[in-house]
Amino acid sequence: MAYPQKIISRLQNIKNAGEPKRVDCIGKDASFACGTAVQFALQIDKTEKRIIQAKFKTNGCGFAVAIADLLAEIITDKTLADLKGLERENLSRVIQAEFGELPSEKRQCLEMVLTALKAAFMDFRNRQIEEFAGEKALVCSCFGISEDTIEKLISGRKAKTVEDVGKLCRAGTGCGSCRFLIQEMLDSVLQVEEF
């Protein structure tokens, strides 16, 4: 398969392959459809929650390389809040706006790269939780929001959705890796109220 011109142009000017100066988190994924893998390594300023460097490694095809390079470029110098949960649909639209519609057999390249990037943010979140020394569990590592804070919003009926929680305390609006925990908290309270 010949590469589209926009993919070729990106491949001729790769900027984000390799490793950052300091690695704060790593995310990996593989595609069994074509036997390739990708890894993202991020350097994140822990005070500002800003991505200093985003680098990738892959043994994938030109589509995987170009997509990973573009995503690394997009997130570099952004705060976790700027990323608004790394919604797959939004990132997919940005990628397709840049490269055009991907051939159906190359959609798995996009999915692999997005999954690896999400895994890197999950790794960052897990590392932040390990460093947290509060009495209650840390739910949102991007903004330091504890389980207690979110429980108060839910039990006080101020928040009924993950989006409500995000609007009230910013939890879930950074890298997005805590959104499923927030949803579980909401579900457990809503289940109790139904009985």
Protein backbone atom coordinates (compact mmCIF):
# COMPACT_ATOMS: atom_id res chain seq x y z
CA MET A 1 0.00 0.00 0.00
CA ALA A 2 1.34 3.40 -0.98
CA TYR A 3 1.24 6.06 1.72
CA PRO A 4 -0.85 9.22 1.22
CA GLN A 5 1.19 12.39 0.72
CA LYS A 6 0.33 13.80 4.17
CA ILE A 7 1.65 10.63 5.83
CA ILE A 8 4.82 10.80 3.71
CA SER A 9 5.34 14.45 4.66
CA ARG A 10 5.08 13.61 8.36
CA LEU A 11 7.43 10.62 7.97
CA GLN A 12 10.04 12.87 6.36
CA ASN A 13 10.01 15.16 9.39
CA ILE A 14 9.58 12.98 12.51
CA LYS A 15 10.15 15.09 15.64
CA ASN A 16 8.97 13.02 18.57
CA ALA A 17 10.56 9.59 18.26
CA GLY A 18 12.81 8.42 21.10
CA GLU A 19 12.82 9.04 24.85
CA PRO A 20 12.26 12.24 26.84
CA LYS A 21 15.05 13.61 29.03
CA ARG A 22 13.22 12.29 32.09
CA VAL A 23 10.51 9.64 31.97
CA ASP A 24 7.59 10.17 34.35
CA CYS A 25 5.24 7.62 32.82
CA ILE A 26 5.09 5.01 30.07
CA GLY A 27 2.21 3.50 28.13
CA LYS A 28 2.33 0.61 25.68
CA ASP A 29 0.00 -1.23 23.37
CA ALA A 30 0.28 -3.80 20.60
CA SER A 31 -1.72 -4.77 17.57
CA PHE A 32 -2.06 -8.47 16.99
CA ALA A 33 -3.55 -7.75 13.57
CA CYS A 34 -0.15 -6.72 12.21
CA GLY A 35 2.29 -7.69 14.97
CA THR A 36 3.37 -4.18 15.92
CA ALA A 37 3.70 -2.28 19.18
CA VAL A 38 3.98 1.33 20.29
CA GLN A 39 5.23 2.94 23.49
CA PHE A 40 4.74 6.50 24.72
CA ALA A 41 7.07 7.98 27.33
CA LEU A 42 6.09 11.31 28.86
CA GLN A 43 7.90 13.90 30.92
CA ILE A 44 5.36 15.83 33.00
CA ASP A 45 5.91 18.86 35.23
CA LYS A 46 4.23 17.61 38.40
CA THR A 47 3.57 21.10 39.78
CA GLU A 48 1.98 22.63 36.70
CA LYS A 49 0.69 19.26 35.40
CA ARG A 50 2.15 20.23 32.02
CA ILE A 51 3.53 17.76 29.49
CA ILE A 52 7.12 18.84 28.90
CA GLN A 53 7.97 16.13 26.36
CA ALA A 54 6.05 13.32 24.71
CA LYS A 55 8.10 10.74 22.84
CA PHE A 56 7.25 7.44 21.21
CA LYS A 57 8.84 4.25 19.93
CA THR A 58 7.22 1.82 17.52
CA ASN A 59 8.03 -0.94 15.09
CA GLY A 60 4.81 -0.11 13.26
CA CYS A 61 4.12 0.97 9.72
CA GLY A 62 4.23 4.54 8.44
CA PHE A 63 0.64 5.13 9.53
CA ALA A 64 1.46 4.18 13.14
CA VAL A 65 4.62 6.31 13.13
CA ALA A 66 2.86 9.36 11.67
CA ILE A 67 -0.10 9.08 14.04
CA ALA A 68 2.15 8.67 17.10
CA ASP A 69 4.32 11.62 16.05
CA LEU A 70 1.28 13.86 15.54
CA LEU A 71 -0.27 12.88 18.88
CA ALA A 72 3.01 13.51 20.69
CA GLU A 73 3.17 16.94 19.04
CA ILE A 74 -0.43 17.73 19.98
CA ILE A 75 -0.04 16.95 23.69
CA THR A 76 3.42 18.49 24.21
CA ASP A 77 3.28 21.70 26.27
CA LYS A 78 -0.37 21.10 27.18
CA THR A 79 -1.60 20.89 30.74
CA LEU A 80 -3.56 17.82 31.74
CA ALA A 81 -6.61 20.08 32.03
CA ASP A 82 -6.12 21.22 28.41
CA LEU A 83 -6.49 17.60 27.26
CA LYS A 84 -10.05 17.36 28.60
CA GLY A 85 -9.95 13.64 29.27
CA LEU A 86 -8.28 12.62 25.98
CA GLU A 87 -11.56 11.73 24.36
CA ARG A 88 -10.91 9.18 21.61
CA GLU A 89 -13.47 10.70 19.26
CA ASN A 90 -11.87 14.15 19.45
CA LEU A 91 -8.36 12.78 18.93
CA SER A 92 -9.57 10.60 16.04
CA ARG A 93 -11.12 13.66 14.39
CA VAL A 94 -7.88 15.62 14.77
CA ILE A 95 -5.86 12.76 13.27
CA GLN A 96 -8.27 12.37 10.35
CA ALA A 97 -8.36 16.13 9.78
CA GLU A 98 -4.57 16.02 9.44
CA PHE A 99 -4.19 12.81 7.42
CA GLY A 100 -7.60 12.28 5.85
CA GLU A 101 -9.77 9.20 6.26
CA LEU A 102 -7.60 6.24 7.24
CA PRO A 103 -7.95 3.04 5.21
CA SER A 104 -10.06 0.51 7.12
CA GLU A 105 -7.10 -1.86 7.55
CA LYS A 106 -5.10 0.99 9.19
CA ARG A 107 -7.73 2.01 11.76
CA GLN A 108 -6.12 -0.44 14.17
CA CYS A 109 -2.93 1.68 13.97
CA LEU A 110 -4.89 4.64 15.31
CA GLU A 111 -6.51 2.52 18.05
CA MET A 112 -3.14 1.07 19.10
CA VAL A 113 -1.54 4.52 19.37
CA LEU A 114 -4.50 6.02 21.27
CA THR A 115 -4.54 3.08 23.69
CA ALA A 116 -0.79 3.42 24.36
CA LEU A 117 -1.17 7.14 25.03
CA LYS A 118 -4.08 6.54 27.40
CA ALA A 119 -1.99 3.85 29.15
CA ALA A 120 0.80 6.41 29.70
CA PHE A 121 -1.63 8.72 31.49
CA MET A 122 -2.95 5.81 33.54
CA ASP A 123 0.65 5.05 34.55
CA PHE A 124 1.13 8.71 35.56
CA ARG A 125 -2.05 8.57 37.62
CA ASN A 126 -0.93 5.36 39.35
CA ARG A 127 2.45 6.89 40.19
CA GLN A 128 0.75 10.00 41.61
CA ILE A 129 -1.50 7.86 43.78
CA GLU A 130 1.53 6.02 45.16
CA GLU A 131 3.04 9.37 46.20
CA PHE A 132 -0.20 10.69 47.76
CA ALA A 133 -0.04 10.85 51.55
CA GLY A 134 -3.59 11.94 52.40
CA GLU A 135 -5.99 10.05 54.64
CA LYS A 136 -8.55 9.44 51.89
CA ALA A 137 -7.78 7.86 48.55
CA LEU A 138 -6.71 10.15 45.73
CA VAL A 139 -9.11 9.76 42.81
CA CYS A 140 -7.97 12.50 40.41
CA SER A 141 -4.20 12.79 40.32
CA CYS A 142 -4.26 15.62 37.78
CA PHE A 143 -5.88 18.01 40.24
CA GLY A 144 -5.29 16.25 43.57
CA ILE A 145 -8.98 15.56 44.19
CA SER A 146 -9.63 13.03 46.95
CA GLU A 147 -12.34 10.42 47.24
CA ASP A 148 -13.80 12.42 50.14
CA THR A 149 -14.31 15.53 48.00
CA ILE A 150 -16.12 13.59 45.29
CA GLU A 151 -18.23 11.67 47.83
CA LYS A 152 -19.42 14.98 49.32
CA LEU A 153 -20.46 16.27 45.89
CA ILE A 154 -22.35 13.06 45.12
CA SER A 155 -24.00 12.63 48.52
CA GLY A 156 -24.95 16.31 48.57
CA ARG A 157 -26.75 15.70 45.25
CA LYS A 158 -24.68 18.37 43.54
CA ALA A 159 -23.25 15.84 41.06
CA LYS A 160 -25.20 13.18 39.20
CA THR A 161 -22.82 12.57 36.28
CA VAL A 162 -19.08 12.43 35.72
CA GLU A 163 -19.44 15.72 33.84
CA ASP A 164 -21.12 17.31 36.87
CA VAL A 165 -18.20 16.24 39.06
CA GLY A 166 -15.78 17.73 36.51
CA LYS A 167 -17.60 21.05 36.46
CA LEU A 168 -17.67 21.27 40.24
CA CYS A 169 -14.11 20.22 41.13
CA ARG A 170 -12.29 19.51 37.81
CA ALA A 171 -11.86 15.80 38.64
CA GLY A 172 -11.98 13.76 35.44
CA THR A 173 -11.24 16.72 33.17
CA GLY A 174 -7.47 16.22 32.91
CA CYS A 175 -6.07 13.01 31.49
CA GLY A 176 -9.41 11.25 32.03
CA SER A 177 -8.03 8.09 33.60
CA CYS A 178 -10.10 8.61 36.77
CA ARG A 179 -13.42 8.97 34.97
CA PHE A 180 -14.29 5.29 35.41
CA LEU A 181 -13.65 5.53 39.18
CA ILE A 182 -15.90 8.58 39.42
CA GLN A 183 -18.59 6.70 37.50
CA GLU A 184 -18.29 3.74 39.90
CA MET A 185 -18.72 6.12 42.84
CA LEU A 186 -21.80 7.64 41.21
CA ASP A 187 -23.24 4.21 40.40
CA SER A 188 -22.81 2.95 43.96
CA VAL A 189 -24.61 5.97 45.42
CA LEU A 190 -27.35 5.90 42.79
CA GLN A 191 -27.87 2.15 43.36
CA VAL A 192 -28.35 2.68 47.09
CA GLU A 193 -30.84 5.49 46.42
CA GLU A 194 -32.91 3.26 44.12
CA PHE A 195 -33.59 0.79 46.95
